Amino acid sequence: MTNKKSSLTGFLKEPNGELWLWDDLPQLHMETGYLVEQLLHYEQSAYQEISIVETKGFGRMFVLDGTPQVTTKDGFVYNEMITHIPMVTHPAPKRIAMIGGGDCGPASVALKYNTVEHIEIAEIDQRVIEVCKTWMPNAAVVANDKRVQLTYADGYRWIQARKKAFDVLLIDRSDPYGPAITLYKPAFYQYVHDSLSDDGIVVIQSGSPYYNGSTLRSTVRSLQRLFPIVRTYLCFIPSFPGGIWSFTLASKQYEPLDADLSRLRDEDAKYITPELFRSAFVLPRYVRGLLS
């Protein structure tokens, strides 16, 4: 552990000695707590607080500014769902890019597809990737793959220089504050559109449809102004507050509901199946109402 300070964001030590990480949800007037067995790493980078903790319920957890990002116990759900669906929807994705995703989990899934020639990961905070290389299971392996390029840049500025560069773009943005706030600006979606090839696809993590409905709705509406095909799909991630989570896919040409599921590389998947691929797009009535 490095760069100690008297109070880390979100962490609270109880009188009995237990250490808890509390994720504040002001929209719901509640907090979600995670019992921490050990604080493995802490530092204040140029952009944010970076923590790695061992938790009682979810294994090793990567935390930014006191907000959990991914865990070793259920991180496979997020990684598989943000990645497999666009990679299967596009018939031959060669050039892949990712904004965020410093733990390299989604990139590890994309590398399963033999059409992939190049993956560029744009991460604003170099320390995120360096810390994840040490503590999280995917980062070191992915970073050493010759097809992977690590770029340390502000994703909002980085994407403006990319024109028709990518077949699939994954936007693994964190919550709409701090260094990720620009990835929610209206102009960002135009830059996303322009960065994709003529048949390109983007998937954006679009938050909880239950307590972040406005984020999901604004993401969908922004993409609908630019893309002919926009589909929201859902998954269940136990460590995320509320459990249910959304991604939104926007495509210039290919319809995910018509995807060739024989291309799904799910041999070692723990969550996605061909049946689940289809069912993820079936939205509960309250989500359909939100998006109408």
Foldseek 3Di string as FASTA:
>chain_A
DDDDDDDAAQWDQDPVGWIWGWADQVLVRDIDIWTFPAWPDWDQFPFWIWTWTQTPPFGIFTDTSSHTQAGPRQNLQVLCVLALLQLQLDPQWAEEEEEDPLLCSNVVQNVLAPSYQAYEYEYQTPVSNVVSCVPPDRSVVSVPDPRYHYHHHLPQVVLQPAFQAGQEYEYSADDCDTSRVSCQDLVSLVSVLRNHHLWHKYKYWQFACPRRLVSNQSVQVSLVVPAPDKAKFWDAGVVDVVRITIMMMGTNDTDSLPGDQVSRPCPPRDDDDPVVSNVRRVDDPSSVVSND
